C-alpha atoms as a PDB file:
ATOM      1  CA  MET A   1     121.677  11.698  44.219  1.00  0.00           C
ATOM      2  CA  LEU A   2     118.666  11.894  41.892  1.00  0.00           C
ATOM      3  CA  SER A   3     118.314  14.896  39.655  1.00  0.00           C
ATOM      4  CA  ALA A   4     115.305  17.107  40.327  1.00  0.00           C
ATOM      5  CA  PRO A   5     113.262  15.844  37.353  1.00  0.00           C
ATOM      6  CA  LEU A   6     113.976  12.226  38.271  1.00  0.00           C
ATOM      7  CA  ALA A   7     113.100  12.799  41.899  1.00  0.00           C
ATOM      8  CA  LEU A   8     109.816  14.371  40.836  1.00  0.00           C
ATOM      9  CA  ILE A   9     108.981  11.380  38.656  1.00  0.00           C
ATOM     10  CA  ALA A  10     109.718   9.113  41.613  1.00  0.00           C
ATOM     11  CA  LEU A  11     106.953  10.825  43.536  1.00  0.00           C
ATOM     12  CA  VAL A  12     104.498  10.235  40.749  1.00  0.00           C
ATOM     13  CA  TYR A  13     105.430   6.754  39.525  1.00  0.00           C
ATOM     14  CA  GLY A  14     107.150   4.079  40.715  1.00  0.00           C
ATOM     15  CA  SER A  15     111.540   0.132  44.897  1.00  0.00           C
ATOM     16  CA  ALA A  16     111.525  -4.352  46.936  1.00  0.00           C
ATOM     17  CA  VAL A  17     113.708  -3.170  49.831  1.00  0.00           C
ATOM     18  CA  VAL A  18     115.034  -5.781  52.211  1.00  0.00           C
ATOM     19  CA  THR A  19     114.705  -4.961  55.909  1.00  0.00           C
ATOM     20  CA  GLY A  20     116.199  -7.787  57.934  1.00  0.00           C
ATOM     21  CA  LEU A  21     114.738 -10.802  56.161  1.00  0.00           C
ATOM     22  CA  THR A  22     111.495  -9.111  55.104  1.00  0.00           C
ATOM     23  CA  LEU A  23     110.818  -7.785  51.619  1.00  0.00           C
ATOM     24  CA  GLN A  24     109.227  -4.337  51.770  1.00  0.00           C
ATOM     25  CA  ARG A  25     106.959  -2.845  49.122  1.00  0.00           C
ATOM     26  CA  ARG A  26     108.571  -0.082  47.054  1.00  0.00           C
ATOM     27  CA  ALA A  27     107.381   3.507  47.101  1.00  0.00           C
ATOM     28  CA  VAL A  28     107.018   4.083  43.346  1.00  0.00           C
ATOM     29  CA  ASP A  29     105.796   2.243  40.236  1.00  0.00           C
ATOM     30  CA  PHE A  30     108.905   2.907  38.143  1.00  0.00           C
ATOM     31  CA  PHE A  31     111.257   5.655  37.015  1.00  0.00           C
ATOM     32  CA  ASP A  32     111.132   7.090  33.490  1.00  0.00           C
ATOM     33  CA  SER A  33     114.190   5.571  31.762  1.00  0.00           C
ATOM     34  CA  ALA A  34     114.742   8.613  29.575  1.00  0.00           C
ATOM     35  CA  GLN A  35     115.273  10.858  32.604  1.00  0.00           C
ATOM     36  CA  GLY A  36     118.376   8.823  33.446  1.00  0.00           C
ATOM     37  CA  GLY A  37     119.708   8.574  29.906  1.00  0.00           C
ATOM     38  CA  GLY A  38     118.040   5.264  29.133  1.00  0.00           C
ATOM     39  CA  SER A  39     115.421   4.166  26.633  1.00  0.00           C
ATOM     40  CA  MET A  40     112.088   2.375  26.398  1.00  0.00           C
ATOM     41  CA  PHE A  41     113.624   0.187  23.667  1.00  0.00           C
ATOM     42  CA  ASP A  42     116.163  -2.541  24.253  1.00  0.00           C
ATOM     43  CA  ASN A  43     119.086  -3.314  21.932  1.00  0.00           C
ATOM     44  CA  ALA A  44     118.283  -6.040  19.407  1.00  0.00           C
ATOM     45  CA  THR A  45     119.879  -7.147  16.138  1.00  0.00           C
ATOM     46  CA  PHE A  46     118.097  -4.812  13.735  1.00  0.00           C
ATOM     47  CA  GLY A  47     117.020  -2.009  16.066  1.00  0.00           C
ATOM     48  CA  GLY A  48     115.333  -1.880  19.444  1.00  0.00           C
ATOM     49  CA  GLU A  49     112.429  -3.907  20.798  1.00  0.00           C
ATOM     50  CA  PRO A  50     109.890  -1.968  22.867  1.00  0.00           C
ATOM     51  CA  LEU A  51     109.738  -2.337  26.630  1.00  0.00           C
ATOM     52  CA  ASN A  52     105.984  -2.300  26.325  1.00  0.00           C
ATOM     53  CA  VAL A  53     104.890  -3.752  29.693  1.00  0.00           C
ATOM     54  CA  ILE A  54     106.096  -2.766  33.177  1.00  0.00           C
ATOM     55  CA  ILE A  55     105.407  -4.756  36.336  1.00  0.00           C
ATOM     56  CA  SER A  56     105.119  -2.016  38.934  1.00  0.00           C
ATOM     57  CA  GLY A  57     107.610  -1.627  41.763  1.00  0.00           C
ATOM     58  CA  GLN A  58     104.536  -1.307  43.964  1.00  0.00           C
ATOM     59  CA  SER A  59     103.566  -4.895  43.239  1.00  0.00           C
ATOM     60  CA  SER A  60     103.943  -7.408  46.050  1.00  0.00           C
ATOM     61  CA  PRO A  61     107.727  -7.554  46.529  1.00  0.00           C
ATOM     62  CA  GLU A  62     107.823 -11.344  46.196  1.00  0.00           C
ATOM     63  CA  VAL A  63     106.609 -10.980  42.599  1.00  0.00           C
ATOM     64  CA  LEU A  64     109.630  -8.874  41.666  1.00  0.00           C
ATOM     65  CA  THR A  65     112.227 -11.562  42.483  1.00  0.00           C
ATOM     66  CA  ASP A  66     113.487 -14.037  39.870  1.00  0.00           C
ATOM     67  CA  ASP A  67     111.556 -16.934  41.424  1.00  0.00           C
ATOM     68  CA  GLY A  68     108.534 -14.750  41.945  1.00  0.00           C
ATOM     69  CA  VAL A  69     108.258 -13.520  38.385  1.00  0.00           C
ATOM     70  CA  LEU A  70     108.729 -17.102  37.142  1.00  0.00           C
ATOM     71  CA  ASN A  71     105.752 -18.258  39.185  1.00  0.00           C
ATOM     72  CA  PHE A  72     103.696 -15.287  38.037  1.00  0.00           C
ATOM     73  CA  ALA A  73     104.659 -15.947  34.417  1.00  0.00           C
ATOM     74  CA  GLN A  74     103.475 -19.542  34.797  1.00  0.00           C
ATOM     75  CA  ALA A  75     100.196 -18.282  36.242  1.00  0.00           C
ATOM     76  CA  ILE A  76      99.517 -16.347  33.026  1.00  0.00           C
ATOM     77  CA  GLY A  77     100.618 -18.958  30.484  1.00  0.00           C
ATOM     78  CA  PHE A  78     104.396 -18.555  30.158  1.00  0.00           C
ATOM     79  CA  SER A  79     107.389 -20.502  31.411  1.00  0.00           C
ATOM     80  CA  GLN A  80     111.145 -20.928  31.061  1.00  0.00           C
ATOM     81  CA  GLU A  81     112.629 -21.722  27.684  1.00  0.00           C
ATOM     82  CA  CYS A  82     112.458 -25.214  26.251  1.00  0.00           C
ATOM     83  CA  LEU A  83     114.461 -27.573  28.494  1.00  0.00           C
ATOM     84  CA  GLY A  84     116.415 -24.529  29.707  1.00  0.00           C
ATOM     85  CA  PHE A  85     118.081 -23.911  26.344  1.00  0.00           C
ATOM     86  CA  HIS A  86     118.270 -20.450  24.807  1.00  0.00           C
ATOM     87  CA  LEU A  87     118.990 -19.855  21.142  1.00  0.00           C
ATOM     88  CA  GLY A  88     120.620 -16.570  20.206  1.00  0.00           C
ATOM     89  CA  ASP A  89     122.312 -13.877  22.232  1.00  0.00           C
ATOM     90  CA  PRO A  90     120.599 -12.097  25.118  1.00  0.00           C
ATOM     91  CA  GLN A  91     119.413  -8.574  24.447  1.00  0.00           C
ATOM     92  CA  THR A  92     120.464  -5.585  26.522  1.00  0.00           C
ATOM     93  CA  ALA A  93     118.675  -2.490  27.780  1.00  0.00           C
ATOM     94  CA  ASN A  94     119.479   0.748  29.592  1.00  0.00           C
ATOM     95  CA  LEU A  95     116.713   1.569  32.071  1.00  0.00           C
ATOM     96  CA  GLY A  96     118.244   4.888  33.120  1.00  0.00           C
ATOM     97  CA  ASP A  97     118.999   3.601  36.621  1.00  0.00           C
ATOM     98  CA  GLY A  98     122.776   4.087  36.590  1.00  0.00           C
ATOM     99  CA  ASN A  99     123.614   0.507  35.613  1.00  0.00           C
ATOM    100  CA  GLY A 100     124.058   1.376  31.950  1.00  0.00           C
ATOM    101  CA  SER A 101     123.230  -1.209  29.320  1.00  0.00           C
ATOM    102  CA  VAL A 102     122.756  -4.637  30.933  1.00  0.00           C
ATOM    103  CA  ASN A 103     121.701  -8.089  29.717  1.00  0.00           C
ATOM    104  CA  GLN A 104     118.145  -9.279  30.128  1.00  0.00           C
ATOM    105  CA  THR A 105     117.536 -10.968  33.465  1.00  0.00           C
ATOM    106  CA  LEU A 106     115.127 -13.667  32.256  1.00  0.00           C
ATOM    107  CA  GLU A 107     113.175 -14.767  29.199  1.00  0.00           C
ATOM    108  CA  PHE A 108     109.839 -16.581  29.128  1.00  0.00           C
ATOM    109  CA  ARG A 109     107.840 -18.183  26.338  1.00  0.00           C
ATOM    110  CA  GLN A 110     104.192 -19.098  25.938  1.00  0.00           C
ATOM    111  CA  ASP A 111     103.680 -22.581  27.360  1.00  0.00           C
ATOM    112  CA  PHE A 112     100.249 -23.544  25.956  1.00  0.00           C
ATOM    113  CA  GLY A 113      99.087 -24.846  29.326  1.00  0.00           C
ATOM    114  CA  ASN A 114     102.122 -27.030  30.050  1.00  0.00           C
ATOM    115  CA  ASP A 115     104.788 -25.215  32.055  1.00  0.00           C
ATOM    116  CA  ALA A 116     107.201 -28.166  31.784  1.00  0.00           C
ATOM    117  CA  LEU A 117     107.319 -28.745  28.012  1.00  0.00           C
ATOM    118  CA  GLY A 118     104.918 -26.259  26.428  1.00  0.00           C
ATOM    119  CA  THR A 119     107.626 -23.765  25.587  1.00  0.00           C
ATOM    120  CA  CYS A 120     109.199 -26.391  23.332  1.00  0.00           C
ATOM    121  CA  LEU A 121     106.014 -26.178  21.257  1.00  0.00           C
ATOM    122  CA  GLU A 122     106.310 -22.392  21.166  1.00  0.00           C
ATOM    123  CA  SER A 123     109.857 -22.765  19.867  1.00  0.00           C
ATOM    124  CA  LEU A 124     108.460 -24.817  16.973  1.00  0.00           C
ATOM    125  CA  ILE A 125     105.199 -23.095  16.057  1.00  0.00           C
ATOM    126  CA  GLY A 126     105.798 -19.591  17.409  1.00  0.00           C
ATOM    127  CA  GLY A 127     103.793 -17.633  19.925  1.00  0.00           C
ATOM    128  CA  ASN A 128     104.166 -14.970  22.562  1.00  0.00           C
ATOM    129  CA  HIS A 129     107.300 -14.383  24.608  1.00  0.00           C
ATOM    130  CA  PHE A 130     108.938 -11.707  26.735  1.00  0.00           C
ATOM    131  CA  ARG A 131     112.300 -10.632  28.098  1.00  0.00           C
ATOM    132  CA  VAL A 132     112.690  -9.219  31.615  1.00  0.00           C
ATOM    133  CA  PHE A 133     114.878  -6.290  32.656  1.00  0.00           C
ATOM    134  CA  ARG A 134     115.027  -5.109  36.289  1.00  0.00           C
ATOM    135  CA  GLN A 135     115.317  -1.404  37.167  1.00  0.00           C
ATOM    136  CA  ASN A 136     117.525  -1.537  40.274  1.00  0.00           C
ATOM    137  CA  GLY A 137     120.519   0.731  39.717  1.00  0.00           C
ATOM    138  CA  PRO A 138     121.812   3.337  42.189  1.00  0.00           C
ATOM    139  CA  GLN A 139     120.152   6.277  40.436  1.00  0.00           C
ATOM    140  CA  ALA A 140     116.655   4.820  40.010  1.00  0.00           C
ATOM    141  CA  ASN A 141     116.054   1.755  42.147  1.00  0.00           C
ATOM    142  CA  SER A 142     112.344   1.157  41.653  1.00  0.00           C
ATOM    143  CA  GLY A 143     112.631  -2.635  41.483  1.00  0.00           C
ATOM    144  CA  ALA A 144     110.161  -2.551  38.591  1.00  0.00           C
ATOM    145  CA  LEU A 145     110.386  -5.176  35.871  1.00  0.00           C
ATOM    146  CA  PHE A 146     110.422  -3.869  32.302  1.00  0.00           C
ATOM    147  CA  LEU A 147     109.197  -6.453  29.801  1.00  0.00           C
ATOM    148  CA  ALA A 148     109.935  -6.580  26.078  1.00  0.00           C
ATOM    149  CA  VAL A 149     106.904  -8.506  24.825  1.00  0.00           C
ATOM    150  CA  SER A 150     106.401  -9.703  21.259  1.00  0.00           C
ATOM    151  CA  LYS A 151     104.654 -12.391  19.278  1.00  0.00           C
ATOM    152  CA  GLU A 152     106.931 -14.355  16.973  1.00  0.00           C
ATOM    153  CA  GLN A 153     106.655 -16.645  13.992  1.00  0.00           C
ATOM    154  CA  ASP A 154     107.578 -20.324  13.901  1.00  0.00           C
ATOM    155  CA  VAL A 155     111.040 -21.819  13.623  1.00  0.00           C
ATOM    156  CA  SER A 156     110.856 -21.988   9.811  1.00  0.00           C
ATOM    157  CA  GLU A 157     110.627 -18.169   9.844  1.00  0.00           C
ATOM    158  CA  ASN A 158     113.565 -17.927  12.261  1.00  0.00           C
ATOM    159  CA  HIS A 159     111.280 -16.665  15.021  1.00  0.00           C
ATOM    160  CA  ASN A 160     110.903 -13.292  13.335  1.00  0.00           C
ATOM    161  CA  ILE A 161     108.236 -11.037  14.805  1.00  0.00           C
ATOM    162  CA  VAL A 162     104.771 -11.312  13.257  1.00  0.00           C
ATOM    163  CA  PRO A 163     103.303  -8.170  11.635  1.00  0.00           C
ATOM    164  CA  ASP A 164     102.277  -5.774  14.424  1.00  0.00           C
ATOM    165  CA  GLY A 165     103.795  -8.351  16.764  1.00  0.00           C
ATOM    166  CA  TYR A 166     104.912  -5.917  19.470  1.00  0.00           C
ATOM    167  CA  ASN A 167     101.466  -4.447  20.011  1.00  0.00           C
ATOM    168  CA  ILE A 168      99.794  -7.858  19.654  1.00  0.00           C
ATOM    169  CA  GLY A 169     102.192  -9.540  22.077  1.00  0.00           C
ATOM    170  CA  ARG A 170     101.666  -6.824  24.684  1.00  0.00           C
ATOM    171  CA  ASP A 171      97.899  -6.944  24.368  1.00  0.00           C
ATOM    172  CA  GLU A 172      97.749 -10.738  24.588  1.00  0.00           C
ATOM    173  CA  LEU A 173      99.973 -10.821  27.677  1.00  0.00           C
ATOM    174  CA  VAL A 174      97.910  -8.147  29.426  1.00  0.00           C
ATOM    175  CA  ALA A 175      94.648  -9.900  28.544  1.00  0.00           C
ATOM    176  CA  ALA A 176      96.032 -13.122  30.035  1.00  0.00           C
ATOM    177  CA  ALA A 177      97.229 -11.365  33.195  1.00  0.00           C
ATOM    178  CA  VAL A 178      94.410  -9.049  34.275  1.00  0.00           C
ATOM    179  CA  GLY A 179      92.136 -10.251  37.047  1.00  0.00           C
ATOM    180  CA  THR A 180      92.703 -13.103  39.481  1.00  0.00           C
ATOM    181  CA  LYS A 181      95.264 -15.753  38.523  1.00  0.00           C
ATOM    182  CA  SER A 182      97.014 -18.505  40.461  1.00  0.00           C
ATOM    183  CA  HIS A 183      99.917 -20.937  40.237  1.00  0.00           C
ATOM    184  CA  GLY A 184     101.928 -22.975  42.719  1.00  0.00           C
ATOM    185  CA  GLY A 185      99.574 -22.120  45.544  1.00  0.00           C
ATOM    186  CA  VAL A 186      99.962 -18.354  45.019  1.00  0.00           C
ATOM    187  CA  ILE A 187      96.938 -16.222  44.089  1.00  0.00           C
ATOM    188  CA  TYR A 188      97.501 -12.959  42.225  1.00  0.00           C
ATOM    189  CA  ASN A 189      95.270  -9.969  41.620  1.00  0.00           C
ATOM    190  CA  VAL A 190      96.442  -7.975  38.595  1.00  0.00           C
ATOM    191  CA  VAL A 191      95.378  -4.455  37.624  1.00  0.00           C
ATOM    192  CA  ALA A 192      96.478  -2.836  34.343  1.00  0.00           C
ATOM    193  CA  LYS A 193      96.933   0.835  33.499  1.00  0.00           C
ATOM    194  CA  ASN A 194      97.524   2.352  30.070  1.00  0.00           C
ATOM    195  CA  ILE A 195     100.467   4.808  29.963  1.00  0.00           C
ATOM    196  CA  THR A 196     101.281   7.114  27.072  1.00  0.00           C
ATOM    197  CA  GLY A 197     104.180   9.521  26.644  1.00  0.00           C
ATOM    198  CA  LEU A 198     106.963   7.157  27.720  1.00  0.00           C
ATOM    199  CA  MET A 199     107.547   5.569  24.309  1.00  0.00           C
ATOM    200  CA  PRO A 200     107.393   7.190  20.877  1.00  0.00           C
ATOM    201  CA  ALA A 201     105.014   5.679  18.355  1.00  0.00           C
ATOM    202  CA  GLY A 202     106.122   4.573  14.889  1.00  0.00           C
ATOM    203  CA  SER A 203     108.744   2.305  13.351  1.00  0.00           C
ATOM    204  CA  GLU A 204     111.878   4.464  13.433  1.00  0.00           C
ATOM    205  CA  GLY A 205     114.680   2.541  15.145  1.00  0.00           C
ATOM    206  CA  VAL A 206     112.408  -0.406  15.955  1.00  0.00           C
ATOM    207  CA  ASN A 207     113.653  -3.945  15.334  1.00  0.00           C
ATOM    208  CA  HIS A 208     112.624  -5.193  11.869  1.00  0.00           C
ATOM    209  CA  GLY A 209     110.918  -1.838  11.215  1.00  0.00           C
ATOM    210  CA  ILE A 210     107.697  -3.008  12.879  1.00  0.00           C
ATOM    211  CA  ALA A 211     105.698  -0.016  14.092  1.00  0.00           C
ATOM    212  CA  VAL A 212     104.563   0.369  17.692  1.00  0.00           C
ATOM    213  CA  ASP A 213     101.644   2.438  18.955  1.00  0.00           C
ATOM    214  CA  GLY A 214     103.610   4.031  21.815  1.00  0.00           C
ATOM    215  CA  ILE A 215     101.461   2.533  24.580  1.00  0.00           C
ATOM    216  CA  VAL A 216     103.063   0.976  27.659  1.00  0.00           C
ATOM    217  CA  MET A 217     100.930  -1.143  29.980  1.00  0.00           C
ATOM    218  CA  LEU A 218     101.638  -0.934  33.724  1.00  0.00           C
ATOM    219  CA  LEU A 219     100.711  -4.054  35.705  1.00  0.00           C
ATOM    220  CA  THR A 220     100.367  -3.954  39.470  1.00  0.00           C
ATOM    221  CA  VAL A 221     100.507  -7.545  40.739  1.00  0.00           C
ATOM    222  CA  THR A 222      99.311  -8.132  44.286  1.00  0.00           C
ATOM    223  CA  ILE A 223      99.529 -11.470  46.081  1.00  0.00           C
ATOM    224  CA  GLN A 224      96.305 -12.172  47.964  1.00  0.00           C
END
C-alpha cells in the first residue's frame, strides 16, 4: 500500500494498464522517486547522472512500451546503438517504486537523420544520448519513463560528458521533441512542462562533477 505522502503525489502527478488486450492510459504523470526512497540521479561510474527528462505516464500508452519509445526516439532524432553494440556497463537507478536499483531498460543515441547507421557516427564524433528507466514497481507503478540525457564528447575523449552536458543534452532533446513529430507512420504531439523541486541543483554527487540546474522536463506524448 502507498504511504500517505506518496498517495497524495499520485493524485497530483503521474500508470499503461492492460485490460484484456487494450493498453489503458495511466492516471498520473509520475511518482516522486524520493518519496519511495529513490533518487533523481542514476548510479554511474563517478557519481550519479541526472534523470532530467520524464515521459509522462499520461502519454499515449503505446509510447511507453519498449517498441513505442524506440519509434518515438527515432521521430526526434535518436535510435538504437551502433549495430546493436553497447560499450560499457549499463547504469542503474532507483525510481522509488519498490523495485530497488535496476538496470536501464534501453539506451538511444543521436542518429543525425539516419536511424539505421547514424548512431555509429555519434559513437565516433559524440553527440546527444539518453538512457531509459521505467517506473513500474509495486509501490509506484506510474509507467512513466525517466530519461538520463546528456551530451557527450567524441571517442577520443572516451565519450566523457561535455561541459554543462547534462543541461545541454536535456534542452536539445526537448527542443527536438516539442510539437508535432512523426516516424513509421505514427504522428506524435508533444507538450513539455518545466518542473522544479524534484532534483537538487549543483554538482555534489553528480558524475564527473558537472553541475546541473535542478530542472526536470516533463514530456506528455500523445499519438494523434
